[in-house]
Protein backbone atom coordinates (compact mmCIF):
# COMPACT_ATOMS: atom_id res chain seq x y z
CA MET A 1 0.13 -0.01 -0.14
CA VAL A 2 1.51 3.44 -1.08
CA GLU A 3 1.44 5.81 1.71
CA HIS A 4 -0.69 9.06 0.81
CA VAL A 5 2.42 11.25 1.99
CA ASP A 6 4.58 9.74 -0.46
CA ILE A 7 2.06 10.50 -3.38
CA ASP A 8 1.63 14.01 -2.21
CA ALA A 9 5.61 14.83 -1.87
CA ALA A 10 5.90 13.39 -5.28
CA GLN A 11 2.96 15.65 -6.44
CA ASN A 12 4.95 18.55 -5.14
CA ALA A 13 7.91 17.70 -6.75
CA GLN A 14 6.08 17.33 -10.06
CA LEU A 15 4.58 20.66 -9.60
CA ALA A 16 8.13 22.11 -8.96
CA ALA A 17 9.21 20.63 -12.30
CA LEU A 18 6.18 22.35 -13.84
CA GLY A 19 6.97 25.70 -12.16
CA ALA A 20 10.60 25.39 -13.72
CA ALA A 21 9.00 24.72 -17.09
CA GLU A 22 6.76 27.90 -16.84
CA GLN A 23 9.57 30.01 -15.90
CA ALA A 24 11.25 29.02 -19.03
CA GLY A 25 8.44 30.13 -21.02
CA GLU A 26 6.06 26.91 -21.18
CA ARG A 27 2.38 27.17 -20.32
CA VAL A 28 -0.17 24.66 -19.07
CA ALA A 29 -2.65 23.57 -21.47
CA GLY A 30 -4.65 21.22 -19.08
CA TRP A 31 -4.34 18.27 -16.82
CA LYS A 32 -4.76 14.48 -16.52
CA LEU A 33 -5.96 12.20 -13.85
CA GLY A 34 -4.46 8.93 -13.46
CA LEU A 35 -5.21 5.35 -12.37
CA THR A 36 -8.79 5.64 -13.46
CA SER A 37 -9.48 2.86 -15.66
CA GLY A 38 -8.50 -0.77 -16.49
CA ALA A 39 -6.03 -2.72 -14.91
CA ASN A 40 -4.31 0.44 -13.36
CA ARG A 41 -7.27 1.49 -11.50
CA ASP A 42 -6.26 1.72 -7.88
CA ALA A 43 -2.74 0.70 -8.71
CA PHE A 44 -1.35 2.98 -5.92
CA GLY A 45 -4.18 2.07 -3.46
CA ALA A 46 -7.99 2.35 -3.47
CA GLY A 47 -9.01 5.51 -4.58
CA VAL A 48 -5.71 7.20 -5.10
CA ARG A 49 -5.89 9.29 -8.07
CA PRO A 50 -2.82 11.51 -8.77
CA PHE A 51 -2.54 14.23 -11.51
CA GLY A 52 -0.34 15.13 -14.05
CA TYR A 53 0.00 18.15 -16.24
CA VAL A 54 0.01 18.81 -20.27
CA LEU A 55 1.96 21.45 -21.79
CA THR A 56 0.75 23.81 -24.49
CA SER A 57 3.63 22.95 -26.80
CA ARG A 58 2.50 19.25 -26.48
CA VAL A 59 -0.95 19.65 -27.84
CA LEU A 60 -1.45 18.36 -31.02
CA ASN A 61 -4.42 18.66 -33.50
CA SER A 62 -6.19 15.56 -34.91
CA ARG A 63 -4.29 14.37 -38.16
CA ALA A 64 -0.86 15.50 -36.72
CA SER A 65 2.20 13.35 -37.78
CA LEU A 66 4.78 12.57 -34.99
CA TRP A 67 8.13 11.40 -35.79
CA TRP A 68 8.27 8.78 -33.15
CA GLU A 69 11.98 7.86 -32.94
CA ASP A 70 13.08 11.54 -32.96
CA GLU A 71 10.50 12.77 -30.62
CA VAL A 72 8.87 10.09 -28.34
CA LYS A 73 11.23 7.44 -28.85
CA CYS A 74 9.66 4.91 -26.91
CA GLY A 75 6.05 4.97 -25.29
CA VAL A 76 2.39 4.39 -25.67
CA ILE A 77 -0.63 5.88 -27.17
CA GLU A 78 -4.11 5.69 -25.22
CA ASN A 79 -7.52 6.66 -26.54
CA GLU A 80 -9.16 8.92 -24.02
CA LEU A 81 -11.98 11.40 -23.74
CA CYS A 82 -10.78 15.07 -23.47
CA PHE A 83 -13.05 17.55 -21.35
CA ILE A 84 -12.82 21.32 -22.05
CA LEU A 85 -13.28 23.75 -19.38
CA GLY A 86 -15.66 26.66 -20.03
CA ALA A 87 -15.13 28.33 -16.82
CA ASP A 88 -12.57 28.36 -13.90
CA VAL A 89 -13.07 26.17 -10.81
CA SER A 90 -12.00 28.10 -7.65
CA GLU A 91 -13.77 26.14 -5.12
CA GLN A 92 -14.28 22.65 -3.88
CA VAL A 93 -16.87 21.11 -6.19
CA ASP A 94 -19.05 17.66 -6.81
CA ALA A 95 -19.33 15.94 -10.14
CA ARG A 96 -22.58 18.15 -10.96
CA ALA A 97 -21.03 21.44 -10.40
CA VAL A 98 -17.85 20.41 -12.47
CA ARG A 99 -20.19 19.15 -15.23
CA ALA A 100 -21.62 22.63 -15.41
CA ALA A 101 -18.19 24.29 -15.68
CA LEU A 102 -17.61 22.23 -18.82
CA ALA A 103 -17.60 23.63 -22.61
CA GLY A 104 -17.40 20.38 -24.46
CA VAL A 105 -15.66 17.21 -24.86
CA ALA A 106 -13.52 16.02 -27.78
CA PRO A 107 -11.91 12.64 -28.88
CA ALA A 108 -8.45 12.30 -27.90
CA PHE A 109 -5.24 10.27 -27.62
CA GLU A 110 -2.70 10.51 -24.70
CA ILE A 111 0.98 9.99 -25.71
CA ASN A 112 2.81 8.68 -22.84
CA GLN A 113 6.69 8.31 -22.83
CA ALA A 114 8.73 5.57 -21.24
CA ARG A 115 11.30 7.46 -19.24
CA LEU A 116 11.59 5.30 -16.14
CA ALA A 117 12.53 1.87 -15.38
CA ALA A 118 9.83 -0.81 -15.16
CA ASN A 119 10.35 -1.14 -11.43
CA ALA A 120 10.11 2.67 -10.78
CA SER A 121 8.05 3.41 -7.35
CA PRO A 122 4.45 4.89 -7.61
CA ALA A 123 6.08 8.19 -6.07
CA GLU A 124 8.70 8.28 -8.94
CA ARG A 125 5.98 7.80 -11.45
CA VAL A 126 3.88 10.71 -10.33
CA ALA A 127 7.17 13.05 -9.85
CA ASP A 128 7.73 12.03 -13.48
CA ASN A 129 4.40 13.51 -14.38
CA LEU A 130 2.73 10.02 -14.92
CA SER A 131 4.66 9.63 -18.04
CA ASN A 132 2.78 12.35 -20.08
CA TRP A 133 4.51 13.50 -23.10
CA GLY A 134 1.27 15.18 -24.71
CA ILE A 135 -1.94 14.73 -26.26
CA VAL A 136 -3.82 14.69 -29.48
CA VAL A 137 -7.21 16.46 -29.43
CA GLY A 138 -10.12 16.12 -32.05
CA GLU A 139 -13.04 18.34 -32.78
CA ILE A 140 -15.05 19.59 -29.71
CA GLN A 141 -18.48 18.36 -29.39
CA PRO A 142 -21.25 19.71 -26.93
CA LEU A 143 -22.02 17.39 -24.09
CA PRO A 144 -25.52 15.54 -24.45
CA THR A 145 -27.98 16.66 -21.91
CA ASN A 146 -28.65 12.88 -20.88
CA TRP A 147 -25.40 11.24 -21.49
CA ASP A 148 -25.14 7.53 -20.91
CA GLN A 149 -21.35 7.18 -19.93
CA GLN A 150 -21.67 3.39 -19.37
CA GLY A 151 -23.08 2.83 -23.00
CA LEU A 152 -19.96 4.24 -24.57
CA LYS A 153 -17.86 2.04 -26.78
CA VAL A 154 -14.38 3.08 -27.99
CA ARG A 155 -12.71 1.51 -30.86
CA LEU A 156 -9.03 1.71 -31.46
CA LEU A 157 -7.95 1.45 -35.37
CA HIS A 158 -4.73 1.12 -37.36
CA ASN A 159 -4.93 2.26 -40.90
CA ALA A 160 -8.82 1.98 -40.69
CA GLU A 161 -8.78 -1.65 -39.40
CA GLY A 162 -10.13 -2.29 -35.93
CA ILE A 163 -7.44 -3.27 -33.27
CA ALA A 164 -9.59 -3.13 -30.14
CA SER A 165 -13.12 -2.16 -28.82
CA VAL A 166 -13.45 -1.21 -25.26
CA ALA A 167 -16.79 -0.66 -23.45
CA ALA A 168 -16.92 2.04 -20.68
CA ALA A 169 -19.03 -0.11 -18.39
CA ASN A 170 -16.84 -1.61 -15.55
CA HIS A 171 -13.82 -0.23 -17.05
CA ILE A 172 -13.42 3.40 -16.23
CA ASP A 173 -14.44 5.75 -13.38
CA ASP A 174 -17.30 8.38 -13.84
CA HIS A 175 -15.73 10.91 -15.81
CA PHE A 176 -17.68 13.87 -13.97
CA GLN A 177 -16.52 12.54 -10.65
CA SER A 178 -13.11 12.25 -12.05
CA LEU A 179 -12.96 15.77 -12.95
CA ALA A 180 -14.26 16.94 -9.39
CA THR A 181 -11.56 14.73 -7.90
CA LEU A 182 -8.94 16.51 -10.27
CA ALA A 183 -10.35 20.04 -9.50
CA ASN A 184 -10.51 19.62 -5.67
CA ARG A 185 -6.99 17.85 -5.56
CA LEU A 186 -5.48 20.58 -7.81
CA LEU A 187 -6.98 23.35 -5.14
CA ARG A 188 -5.17 21.48 -2.38
CA PHE A 189 -1.72 22.01 -4.33
CA GLY A 190 -2.28 25.77 -5.05
CA ARG A 191 -3.58 25.11 -8.49
CA LYS A 192 -6.76 25.14 -10.30
CA LEU A 193 -8.90 24.20 -13.31
CA GLN A 194 -9.19 27.29 -15.43
CA ALA A 195 -11.16 28.06 -18.71
CA GLY A 196 -9.64 26.64 -21.74
CA ASP A 197 -8.05 23.86 -20.12
CA ARG A 198 -8.21 20.39 -21.40
CA VAL A 199 -8.45 17.27 -19.22
CA ILE A 200 -8.20 13.77 -19.87
CA THR A 201 -9.87 11.30 -17.80
CA GLY A 202 -8.72 7.91 -18.30
CA ALA A 203 -7.61 5.20 -21.06
CA PHE A 204 -9.95 3.23 -22.94
CA GLY A 205 -7.18 1.25 -24.92
CA ARG A 206 -3.45 1.50 -25.29
CA VAL A 207 -0.65 0.60 -27.70
CA GLN A 208 2.79 0.06 -26.85
CA ASN A 209 5.46 1.61 -29.08
CA PRO A 210 2.72 1.98 -32.02
CA GLN A 211 3.73 1.00 -35.54
CA ARG A 212 3.92 3.43 -38.67
CA GLY A 213 0.69 4.49 -40.05
CA LEU A 214 -2.54 6.14 -39.19
CA TRP A 215 -4.08 5.44 -35.67
CA SER A 216 -7.58 6.46 -35.21
CA GLY A 217 -9.87 6.42 -31.87
CA ASP A 218 -13.75 6.11 -32.73
CA PHE A 219 -15.67 7.52 -29.93
CA GLY A 220 -19.01 7.07 -31.44
CA GLU A 221 -21.42 10.02 -31.07
CA PHE A 222 -18.22 12.14 -30.22
CA GLY A 223 -16.43 11.54 -33.51
CA ARG A 224 -12.92 10.45 -34.28
CA VAL A 225 -9.33 11.55 -33.39
CA HIS A 226 -6.45 10.61 -35.58
CA LEU A 227 -2.61 10.54 -35.25
CA ARG A 228 -0.08 9.66 -37.89
CA ILE A 229 3.01 7.83 -36.62
CA GLU A 230 5.89 8.20 -38.94
CA ARG A 231 9.26 6.36 -38.62
């Protein structure tokens, strides 16, 4: 069992690295909440949900090309939903309140980079920004009024050929609760969700060191996102 104090110390180390990047001219484009889905859920302990940041320089538009060996070198792509904030969240919130602060949702990929040894500790992984390299974001869609989260099925495709299909039911945390968890945790560490932020809330599928070609995430009513991997 990982001690919360260890994760909190690692979270502070992560934010110190972010502060140094900001002083060098980088800006925060958004955030991620970790350990919300699949086999990784609760990997650091029941309910432990550390966050990571996404830099503006690492936000790509759908159909971008990425030279894998030159830029990422070794890592993973994951298809995720990306929520866009329409207002700042400056106080503790619940799932309903944070949903009201959203401007929309988009299909997305997270790009993670393998920077640590396989046996790295949970604290090291949090300090390392949960491996985030960047995100790819598709077209923003309005949130349906009565959205059935559990009914969503997400497909991963390579060169238009289906690779995997994952249903949300019993796979991923409630997205609005995840957003509230993130918003409240950020406030504890002197940060907050702000209008325009992009937030990814957990992986549906993942590919280690993806092959060359066009990768697509099909999110049904929310459309598709594409990333071309070059080698």
